[in-house]
């Protein structure tokens, strides 16, 4: 939620007029057939697995609760050479996708 920059967070909840109740992110299983090609080529062929996630939170404002659910599709690449890449950040990517889906829903 913080990586999406949708809301400004504070440590003192008494001064906030909007409270957010978060739920655990759910991951749905995806097809693993591309991993067969990865195994056969010993990792020399990059494969992409589209993973589906469900992100849910409640907005609580003056006792009124508004539930929001977003289906996020985050594709992950698996490749032998990615073992040497350290800039993979799932939380950052999930925040970017959440921000885009949130803005898309506001229009």
Protein backbone atom coordinates (compact mmCIF):
# COMPACT_ATOMS: atom_id res chain seq x y z
CA UNK A 1 0.00 0.00 0.00
CA UNK A 2 2.83 2.42 0.81
CA UNK A 3 4.58 1.78 -2.51
CA UNK A 4 1.43 2.74 -4.43
CA UNK A 5 1.50 6.30 -2.99
CA UNK A 6 -2.31 6.40 -2.95
CA UNK A 7 -2.60 7.70 0.60
CA UNK A 8 -0.48 9.67 3.03
CA UNK A 9 0.31 7.56 6.09
CA UNK A 10 0.64 8.84 9.62
CA UNK A 11 1.69 7.20 12.87
CA UNK A 12 -0.98 9.01 14.92
CA UNK A 13 -4.37 7.55 14.01
CA UNK A 14 -6.27 10.10 16.11
CA UNK A 15 -5.51 12.83 13.58
CA UNK A 16 -6.54 10.84 10.52
CA UNK A 17 -10.04 11.18 9.11
CA UNK A 18 -9.63 8.07 6.92
CA UNK A 19 -8.48 4.71 8.19
CA UNK A 20 -7.45 1.76 6.04
CA UNK A 21 -7.99 -1.85 7.05
CA UNK A 22 -5.78 -4.16 5.00
CA UNK A 23 -6.39 -7.80 4.19
CA UNK A 24 -3.71 -10.32 3.20
CA UNK A 25 -2.96 -10.44 -0.51
CA UNK A 26 -4.28 -13.61 -2.17
CA UNK A 27 -2.41 -15.34 -4.96
CA UNK A 28 -4.25 -17.54 -7.40
CA UNK A 29 -2.47 -20.46 -9.07
CA UNK A 30 -1.27 -20.00 -12.62
CA UNK A 31 -0.28 -22.39 -15.36
CA UNK A 32 3.26 -23.72 -15.01
CA UNK A 33 3.63 -25.05 -18.56
CA UNK A 34 6.25 -22.44 -19.55
CA UNK A 35 8.53 -23.87 -16.87
CA UNK A 36 8.89 -27.03 -19.00
CA UNK A 37 10.66 -24.97 -21.66
CA UNK A 38 12.79 -23.43 -18.93
CA UNK A 39 13.81 -26.88 -17.72
CA UNK A 40 14.53 -28.26 -21.20
CA UNK A 41 16.74 -25.30 -22.19
CA UNK A 42 18.51 -25.26 -18.80
CA UNK A 43 17.31 -21.74 -18.12
CA UNK A 44 18.61 -20.19 -21.35
CA UNK A 45 15.10 -19.39 -22.59
CA UNK A 46 13.30 -16.74 -20.52
CA UNK A 47 9.73 -17.60 -19.61
CA UNK A 48 7.00 -15.34 -18.31
CA UNK A 49 4.39 -16.48 -15.81
CA UNK A 50 1.33 -14.27 -15.40
CA UNK A 51 0.38 -14.45 -11.73
CA UNK A 52 -2.99 -13.22 -10.53
CA UNK A 53 -3.36 -11.59 -7.14
CA UNK A 54 -6.33 -10.15 -5.28
CA UNK A 55 -5.70 -7.13 -3.08
CA UNK A 56 -8.45 -5.95 -0.77
CA UNK A 57 -8.77 -3.17 1.75
CA UNK A 58 -11.55 -1.27 3.53
CA UNK A 59 -11.75 2.50 3.73
CA UNK A 60 -13.24 3.54 7.07
CA UNK A 61 -14.35 7.16 7.23
CA UNK A 62 -16.62 8.39 10.04
CA UNK A 63 -17.94 4.87 10.65
CA UNK A 64 -18.78 4.29 6.99
CA UNK A 65 -16.96 1.30 5.51
CA UNK A 66 -16.20 1.08 1.80
CA UNK A 67 -14.63 -2.16 0.59
CA UNK A 68 -12.32 -2.10 -2.39
CA UNK A 69 -10.99 -5.15 -4.20
CA UNK A 70 -8.44 -5.09 -7.00
CA UNK A 71 -7.35 -7.94 -9.25
CA UNK A 72 -3.68 -7.46 -10.01
CA UNK A 73 -1.89 -9.34 -12.76
CA UNK A 74 1.86 -9.26 -12.22
CA UNK A 75 3.96 -11.15 -14.73
CA UNK A 76 7.20 -12.60 -13.41
CA UNK A 77 10.11 -13.54 -15.63
CA UNK A 78 12.20 -16.61 -14.92
CA UNK A 79 15.57 -16.82 -16.62
CA UNK A 80 18.96 -18.18 -15.67
CA UNK A 81 20.63 -14.78 -16.08
CA UNK A 82 18.18 -13.20 -13.68
CA UNK A 83 20.05 -14.96 -10.90
CA UNK A 84 22.60 -12.16 -11.22
CA UNK A 85 20.04 -9.33 -11.19
CA UNK A 86 19.28 -7.83 -7.81
CA UNK A 87 16.77 -5.11 -8.72
CA UNK A 88 13.70 -7.35 -8.57
CA UNK A 89 11.24 -5.86 -6.14
CA UNK A 90 7.80 -7.48 -6.00
CA UNK A 91 6.46 -4.97 -3.47
CA UNK A 92 7.37 -2.03 -5.72
CA UNK A 93 5.82 -3.65 -8.80
CA UNK A 94 2.65 -4.56 -6.88
CA UNK A 95 2.40 -0.95 -5.67
CA UNK A 96 2.69 0.37 -9.22
CA UNK A 97 0.00 -2.00 -10.50
CA UNK A 98 -2.27 -1.16 -7.55
CA UNK A 99 -1.85 2.56 -8.21
CA UNK A 100 -2.73 2.10 -11.90
CA UNK A 101 -5.80 -0.02 -11.09
CA UNK A 102 -6.94 2.48 -8.44
CA UNK A 103 -6.61 5.42 -10.85
CA UNK A 104 -8.38 3.39 -13.55
CA UNK A 105 -11.32 2.79 -11.19
CA UNK A 106 -11.64 6.49 -10.33
CA UNK A 107 -12.23 7.48 -13.97
